[in-house]
Amino acid sequence: MIELVLGAVAAVLVGWLMRRKRQRRSTAIAAGEQAGVPCMLKWSAQGSRWRAGRVLIGAGPLVWKPSFGKQKAALPAGLRRAGVRSPSLREAVSLNPRSRIVECESSDGEVLIAVMPEELDHVIKVLESA
């Protein structure tokens, strides 16, 4: 019984912390400050696999920062949204099945950005304004 209570308390605490972090990120983006939106990126310049990282939204061009490693990569300047879709069954194995994939086109080829539905509006607004 104690394990169930501790598990429930831990779940509530984690949910509260995640919601708070998402609200801070939304506030920073609305204020024009730079904020990192967690995502998965698939881009031919970075290889053919999905890579975890953050899209840095704020002043300047879109930049992707990988979760592992320190080297940031500037996304192509002519990046434009081609569509939004749910992950296929094959993609859902490596992505969160709830995520949405933003398909983008550029002169460097196709760029796929997978984000959670709560963060989708931020990424779409940045792509449309670029």
N, C-alpha and C. Protein backbone atom coordinates (compact mmCIF):
# COMPACT_ATOMS: atom_id res chain seq x y z
N MET A 1 0.82 -1.19 0.00
CA MET A 1 0.00 0.00 0.00
C MET A 1 0.87 1.26 0.00
N ILE A 2 1.94 1.24 0.77
CA ILE A 2 2.83 2.39 0.84
C ILE A 2 3.48 2.64 -0.51
N GLU A 3 3.80 1.55 -1.24
CA GLU A 3 4.42 1.70 -2.56
C GLU A 3 3.47 2.40 -3.52
N LEU A 4 2.19 2.08 -3.46
CA LEU A 4 1.21 2.73 -4.33
C LEU A 4 1.10 4.21 -4.03
N VAL A 5 1.08 4.56 -2.77
CA VAL A 5 0.99 5.97 -2.37
C VAL A 5 2.24 6.72 -2.82
N LEU A 6 3.41 6.14 -2.59
CA LEU A 6 4.66 6.78 -3.02
C LEU A 6 4.72 6.91 -4.54
N GLY A 7 4.26 5.88 -5.25
CA GLY A 7 4.23 5.95 -6.72
C GLY A 7 3.30 7.04 -7.22
N ALA A 8 2.13 7.17 -6.58
CA ALA A 8 1.18 8.21 -6.97
C ALA A 8 1.75 9.60 -6.69
N VAL A 9 2.38 9.77 -5.54
CA VAL A 9 2.98 11.06 -5.20
C VAL A 9 4.09 11.40 -6.19
N ALA A 10 4.91 10.42 -6.55
CA ALA A 10 5.99 10.66 -7.52
C ALA A 10 5.41 11.03 -8.88
N ALA A 11 4.35 10.36 -9.31
CA ALA A 11 3.73 10.66 -10.61
C ALA A 11 3.16 12.08 -10.63
N VAL A 12 2.52 12.49 -9.54
CA VAL A 12 1.97 13.84 -9.45
C VAL A 12 3.09 14.87 -9.49
N LEU A 13 4.16 14.61 -8.78
CA LEU A 13 5.30 15.53 -8.75
C LEU A 13 5.94 15.67 -10.13
N VAL A 14 6.15 14.57 -10.81
CA VAL A 14 6.74 14.62 -12.15
C VAL A 14 5.83 15.35 -13.13
N GLY A 15 4.54 15.08 -13.06
CA GLY A 15 3.59 15.79 -13.92
C GLY A 15 3.59 17.28 -13.67
N TRP A 16 3.64 17.67 -12.41
CA TRP A 16 3.65 19.09 -12.06
C TRP A 16 4.93 19.76 -12.57
N LEU A 17 6.08 19.09 -12.41
CA LEU A 17 7.34 19.66 -12.88
C LEU A 17 7.36 19.80 -14.40
N MET A 18 6.84 18.81 -15.11
CA MET A 18 6.81 18.89 -16.58
C MET A 18 5.89 20.01 -17.05
N ARG A 19 4.73 20.14 -16.42
CA ARG A 19 3.79 21.20 -16.79
C ARG A 19 4.40 22.57 -16.52
N ARG A 20 5.08 22.71 -15.39
CA ARG A 20 5.72 23.98 -15.04
C ARG A 20 6.81 24.35 -16.04
N LYS A 21 7.61 23.37 -16.44
CA LYS A 21 8.67 23.63 -17.42
C LYS A 21 8.08 24.04 -18.77
N ARG A 22 6.99 23.38 -19.19
CA ARG A 22 6.33 23.72 -20.46
C ARG A 22 5.76 25.14 -20.40
N GLN A 23 5.20 25.54 -19.25
CA GLN A 23 4.67 26.89 -19.10
C GLN A 23 5.78 27.93 -19.15
N ARG A 24 6.91 27.65 -18.51
CA ARG A 24 8.05 28.58 -18.56
C ARG A 24 8.57 28.73 -19.99
N ARG A 25 8.62 27.63 -20.73
CA ARG A 25 9.07 27.67 -22.11
C ARG A 25 8.12 28.52 -22.96
N SER A 26 6.81 28.33 -22.76
CA SER A 26 5.81 29.12 -23.50
C SER A 26 5.91 30.60 -23.18
N THR A 27 6.13 30.91 -21.91
CA THR A 27 6.27 32.31 -21.49
C THR A 27 7.52 32.93 -22.11
N ALA A 28 8.62 32.19 -22.13
CA ALA A 28 9.86 32.71 -22.71
C ALA A 28 9.71 32.95 -24.20
N ILE A 29 9.06 32.04 -24.90
CA ILE A 29 8.87 32.20 -26.34
C ILE A 29 7.97 33.40 -26.62
N ALA A 30 6.91 33.57 -25.83
CA ALA A 30 6.00 34.71 -26.01
C ALA A 30 6.70 36.03 -25.74
N ALA A 31 7.68 36.02 -24.83
CA ALA A 31 8.42 37.23 -24.51
C ALA A 31 9.55 37.50 -25.51
N GLY A 32 9.76 36.61 -26.46
CA GLY A 32 10.80 36.81 -27.46
C GLY A 32 12.17 36.32 -27.03
N GLU A 33 12.24 35.63 -25.91
CA GLU A 33 13.51 35.09 -25.43
C GLU A 33 13.78 33.75 -26.11
N GLN A 34 15.04 33.33 -26.09
CA GLN A 34 15.39 32.05 -26.70
C GLN A 34 15.00 30.91 -25.77
N ALA A 35 14.34 29.91 -26.34
CA ALA A 35 13.92 28.74 -25.56
C ALA A 35 14.11 27.50 -26.42
N GLY A 36 14.41 26.40 -25.79
CA GLY A 36 14.60 25.14 -26.50
C GLY A 36 13.38 24.26 -26.40
N VAL A 37 12.83 23.89 -27.56
CA VAL A 37 11.68 23.00 -27.61
C VAL A 37 12.19 21.59 -27.86
N PRO A 38 11.90 20.64 -26.96
CA PRO A 38 12.38 19.27 -27.16
C PRO A 38 11.76 18.65 -28.41
N CYS A 39 12.60 17.97 -29.17
CA CYS A 39 12.14 17.39 -30.43
C CYS A 39 13.05 16.24 -30.85
N MET A 40 12.66 15.59 -31.91
CA MET A 40 13.49 14.61 -32.60
C MET A 40 13.62 15.13 -34.03
N LEU A 41 14.81 15.03 -34.59
CA LEU A 41 15.08 15.59 -35.92
C LEU A 41 15.61 14.51 -36.84
N LYS A 42 15.11 14.51 -38.06
CA LYS A 42 15.61 13.62 -39.09
C LYS A 42 15.93 14.49 -40.30
N TRP A 43 17.22 14.57 -40.59
CA TRP A 43 17.69 15.49 -41.64
C TRP A 43 18.86 14.81 -42.33
N SER A 44 18.85 14.81 -43.64
CA SER A 44 19.89 14.09 -44.38
C SER A 44 21.30 14.61 -44.06
N ALA A 45 21.43 15.88 -43.70
CA ALA A 45 22.74 16.43 -43.36
C ALA A 45 23.25 15.88 -42.02
N GLN A 46 22.34 15.39 -41.17
CA GLN A 46 22.72 14.83 -39.88
C GLN A 46 22.69 13.30 -39.86
N GLY A 47 22.36 12.69 -40.98
CA GLY A 47 22.26 11.24 -41.04
C GLY A 47 20.82 10.82 -41.29
N SER A 48 20.58 9.52 -41.39
CA SER A 48 19.25 9.04 -41.74
C SER A 48 18.44 8.58 -40.53
N ARG A 49 18.95 8.79 -39.33
CA ARG A 49 18.24 8.36 -38.12
C ARG A 49 17.61 9.55 -37.40
N TRP A 50 16.62 9.23 -36.57
CA TRP A 50 16.03 10.25 -35.72
C TRP A 50 17.01 10.57 -34.60
N ARG A 51 17.25 11.84 -34.36
CA ARG A 51 18.18 12.27 -33.31
C ARG A 51 17.45 13.18 -32.32
N ALA A 52 17.68 12.92 -31.05
CA ALA A 52 17.04 13.70 -30.00
C ALA A 52 17.78 15.01 -29.79
N GLY A 53 17.03 16.05 -29.49
CA GLY A 53 17.64 17.35 -29.23
C GLY A 53 16.58 18.39 -28.95
N ARG A 54 16.94 19.63 -29.21
CA ARG A 54 16.05 20.77 -29.00
C ARG A 54 16.16 21.73 -30.17
N VAL A 55 15.04 22.27 -30.59
CA VAL A 55 15.02 23.35 -31.57
C VAL A 55 15.03 24.62 -30.75
N LEU A 56 16.07 25.44 -30.94
CA LEU A 56 16.18 26.70 -30.21
C LEU A 56 15.40 27.77 -30.94
N ILE A 57 14.34 28.22 -30.29
CA ILE A 57 13.45 29.23 -30.86
C ILE A 57 13.75 30.55 -30.18
N GLY A 58 13.89 31.58 -30.95
CA GLY A 58 14.16 32.90 -30.39
C GLY A 58 14.69 33.79 -31.48
N ALA A 59 15.48 34.76 -31.09
CA ALA A 59 16.07 35.69 -32.05
C ALA A 59 17.05 34.95 -32.95
N GLY A 60 16.99 35.24 -34.22
CA GLY A 60 17.92 34.63 -35.15
C GLY A 60 17.35 33.41 -35.84
N PRO A 61 18.19 32.72 -36.61
CA PRO A 61 17.72 31.56 -37.36
C PRO A 61 17.45 30.36 -36.44
N LEU A 62 16.69 29.41 -36.96
CA LEU A 62 16.42 28.20 -36.20
C LEU A 62 17.69 27.38 -36.04
N VAL A 63 17.93 26.94 -34.82
CA VAL A 63 19.12 26.15 -34.52
C VAL A 63 18.67 24.90 -33.81
N TRP A 64 19.31 23.77 -34.14
CA TRP A 64 19.03 22.51 -33.47
C TRP A 64 20.24 22.13 -32.64
N LYS A 65 20.00 21.83 -31.37
CA LYS A 65 21.07 21.42 -30.46
C LYS A 65 20.83 19.98 -30.06
N PRO A 66 21.77 19.08 -30.37
CA PRO A 66 21.57 17.67 -30.02
C PRO A 66 21.61 17.45 -28.51
N SER A 67 20.92 16.41 -28.06
CA SER A 67 20.92 16.09 -26.63
C SER A 67 22.29 15.62 -26.18
N PHE A 68 22.96 14.86 -27.03
CA PHE A 68 24.28 14.35 -26.71
C PHE A 68 25.29 15.01 -27.63
N GLY A 69 26.18 15.78 -27.06
CA GLY A 69 27.15 16.53 -27.85
C GLY A 69 26.90 18.01 -27.67
N LYS A 70 27.88 18.78 -28.06
CA LYS A 70 27.79 20.22 -27.84
C LYS A 70 27.64 21.02 -29.13
N GLN A 71 27.79 20.38 -30.27
CA GLN A 71 27.79 21.11 -31.53
C GLN A 71 26.36 21.39 -31.99
N LYS A 72 26.05 22.68 -32.14
CA LYS A 72 24.75 23.09 -32.64
C LYS A 72 24.79 23.10 -34.16
N ALA A 73 23.63 22.91 -34.78
CA ALA A 73 23.53 22.93 -36.23
C ALA A 73 22.42 23.90 -36.63
N ALA A 74 22.77 24.85 -37.47
CA ALA A 74 21.76 25.79 -37.97
C ALA A 74 20.92 25.09 -39.03
N LEU A 75 19.62 25.16 -38.87
CA LEU A 75 18.73 24.56 -39.87
C LEU A 75 18.76 25.43 -41.12
N PRO A 76 18.46 24.86 -42.29
CA PRO A 76 18.53 25.63 -43.53
C PRO A 76 17.69 26.90 -43.48
N ALA A 77 18.19 27.95 -44.12
CA ALA A 77 17.53 29.26 -44.08
C ALA A 77 16.17 29.24 -44.77
N GLY A 78 16.03 28.52 -45.86
CA GLY A 78 14.78 28.51 -46.62
C GLY A 78 13.82 27.44 -46.15
N LEU A 79 13.83 27.10 -44.89
CA LEU A 79 13.00 26.03 -44.35
C LEU A 79 11.54 26.46 -44.34
N ARG A 80 10.67 25.65 -44.94
CA ARG A 80 9.24 25.96 -44.94
C ARG A 80 8.45 24.68 -44.68
N ARG A 81 7.34 24.85 -44.02
CA ARG A 81 6.51 23.71 -43.63
C ARG A 81 5.75 23.17 -44.84
N ALA A 82 5.82 21.85 -45.03
CA ALA A 82 5.09 21.20 -46.11
C ALA A 82 3.86 20.46 -45.59
N GLY A 83 3.88 20.08 -44.32
CA GLY A 83 2.74 19.37 -43.75
C GLY A 83 3.00 18.90 -42.34
N VAL A 84 1.95 18.43 -41.70
CA VAL A 84 2.03 17.88 -40.35
C VAL A 84 1.30 16.54 -40.37
N ARG A 85 1.91 15.53 -39.74
CA ARG A 85 1.29 14.21 -39.73
C ARG A 85 1.65 13.48 -38.45
N SER A 86 0.93 12.40 -38.21
CA SER A 86 1.25 11.50 -37.11
C SER A 86 2.34 10.54 -37.57
N PRO A 87 3.11 9.99 -36.65
CA PRO A 87 4.14 9.04 -37.05
C PRO A 87 3.53 7.74 -37.56
N SER A 88 4.20 7.15 -38.55
CA SER A 88 3.77 5.85 -39.04
C SER A 88 4.08 4.79 -37.99
N LEU A 89 3.60 3.59 -38.20
CA LEU A 89 3.84 2.51 -37.24
C LEU A 89 5.33 2.25 -37.09
N ARG A 90 6.06 2.30 -38.17
CA ARG A 90 7.51 2.09 -38.13
C ARG A 90 8.22 3.22 -37.38
N GLU A 91 7.79 4.46 -37.61
CA GLU A 91 8.40 5.61 -36.92
C GLU A 91 8.03 5.64 -35.44
N ALA A 92 6.86 5.12 -35.11
CA ALA A 92 6.40 5.14 -33.72
C ALA A 92 7.27 4.27 -32.82
N VAL A 93 8.05 3.37 -33.42
CA VAL A 93 8.96 2.55 -32.63
C VAL A 93 10.08 3.40 -32.04
N SER A 94 10.58 4.37 -32.82
CA SER A 94 11.68 5.21 -32.34
C SER A 94 11.20 6.56 -31.82
N LEU A 95 9.97 6.92 -32.07
CA LEU A 95 9.41 8.19 -31.58
C LEU A 95 8.30 7.90 -30.58
N ASN A 96 7.87 8.93 -29.90
CA ASN A 96 6.68 8.81 -29.07
C ASN A 96 5.48 8.73 -30.01
N PRO A 97 4.62 7.74 -29.88
CA PRO A 97 3.47 7.61 -30.79
C PRO A 97 2.51 8.80 -30.74
N ARG A 98 2.51 9.56 -29.64
CA ARG A 98 1.65 10.75 -29.55
C ARG A 98 2.21 11.95 -30.30
N SER A 99 3.48 11.91 -30.67
CA SER A 99 4.12 13.07 -31.28
C SER A 99 3.54 13.37 -32.66
N ARG A 100 3.84 14.55 -33.14
CA ARG A 100 3.45 14.97 -34.49
C ARG A 100 4.72 15.28 -35.25
N ILE A 101 4.73 14.94 -36.52
CA ILE A 101 5.90 15.17 -37.36
C ILE A 101 5.60 16.35 -38.29
N VAL A 102 6.44 17.37 -38.20
CA VAL A 102 6.33 18.53 -39.07
C VAL A 102 7.28 18.27 -40.24
N GLU A 103 6.71 18.14 -41.43
CA GLU A 103 7.51 17.91 -42.63
C GLU A 103 7.88 19.26 -43.20
N CYS A 104 9.18 19.48 -43.41
CA CYS A 104 9.67 20.75 -43.93
C CYS A 104 10.49 20.51 -45.18
N GLU A 105 10.45 21.48 -46.06
CA GLU A 105 11.24 21.44 -47.30
C GLU A 105 12.25 22.58 -47.27
N SER A 106 13.39 22.33 -47.88
CA SER A 106 14.41 23.37 -48.00
C SER A 106 15.26 23.05 -49.22
N SER A 107 16.19 23.94 -49.52
CA SER A 107 17.10 23.69 -50.64
C SER A 107 18.06 22.54 -50.34
N ASP A 108 18.25 22.22 -49.05
CA ASP A 108 19.13 21.11 -48.64
C ASP A 108 18.40 19.78 -48.57
N GLY A 109 17.12 19.75 -48.86
CA GLY A 109 16.34 18.52 -48.82
C GLY A 109 15.27 18.58 -47.74
N GLU A 110 14.69 17.42 -47.48
CA GLU A 110 13.60 17.32 -46.52
C GLU A 110 14.13 17.28 -45.09
N VAL A 111 13.45 17.99 -44.20
CA VAL A 111 13.77 17.99 -42.77
C VAL A 111 12.49 17.61 -42.04
N LEU A 112 12.58 16.60 -41.17
CA LEU A 112 11.44 16.17 -40.38
C LEU A 112 11.70 16.50 -38.91
N ILE A 113 10.74 17.17 -38.28
CA ILE A 113 10.86 17.56 -36.88
C ILE A 113 9.68 16.94 -36.13
N ALA A 114 9.97 16.06 -35.19
CA ALA A 114 8.92 15.42 -34.39
C ALA A 114 8.84 16.12 -33.03
N VAL A 115 7.66 16.65 -32.73
CA VAL A 115 7.44 17.33 -31.45
C VAL A 115 6.15 16.80 -30.83
N MET A 116 6.02 17.03 -29.54
CA MET A 116 4.79 16.64 -28.85
C MET A 116 3.69 17.65 -29.21
N PRO A 117 2.43 17.23 -29.15
CA PRO A 117 1.33 18.13 -29.55
C PRO A 117 1.30 19.45 -28.79
N GLU A 118 1.76 19.45 -27.53
CA GLU A 118 1.75 20.69 -26.74
C GLU A 118 2.74 21.72 -27.27
N GLU A 119 3.77 21.28 -27.96
CA GLU A 119 4.82 22.17 -28.47
C GLU A 119 4.66 22.44 -29.97
N LEU A 120 3.69 21.83 -30.61
CA LEU A 120 3.53 21.93 -32.06
C LEU A 120 3.28 23.37 -32.52
N ASP A 121 2.46 24.11 -31.79
CA ASP A 121 2.14 25.48 -32.19
C ASP A 121 3.39 26.37 -32.23
N HIS A 122 4.30 26.20 -31.28
CA HIS A 122 5.52 27.01 -31.24
C HIS A 122 6.36 26.76 -32.50
N VAL A 123 6.52 25.51 -32.87
CA VAL A 123 7.35 25.18 -34.03
C VAL A 123 6.70 25.67 -35.31
N ILE A 124 5.40 25.49 -35.45
CA ILE A 124 4.70 25.93 -36.67
C ILE A 124 4.77 27.44 -36.81
N LYS A 125 4.57 28.18 -35.72
CA LYS A 125 4.63 29.65 -35.79
C LYS A 125 6.00 30.13 -36.21
N VAL A 126 7.05 29.49 -35.71
CA VAL A 126 8.42 29.89 -36.07
C VAL A 126 8.69 29.59 -37.53
N LEU A 127 8.23 28.44 -38.01
CA LEU A 127 8.45 28.09 -39.41
C LEU A 127 7.70 29.02 -40.35
N GLU A 128 6.49 29.42 -39.98
CA GLU A 128 5.72 30.32 -40.83
C GLU A 128 6.28 31.74 -40.84
N SER A 129 6.90 32.16 -39.75
CA SER A 129 7.45 33.51 -39.69
C SER A 129 8.84 33.59 -40.32
N ALA A 130 9.50 32.46 -40.52
CA ALA A 130 10.85 32.47 -41.09
C ALA A 130 10.84 32.67 -42.58
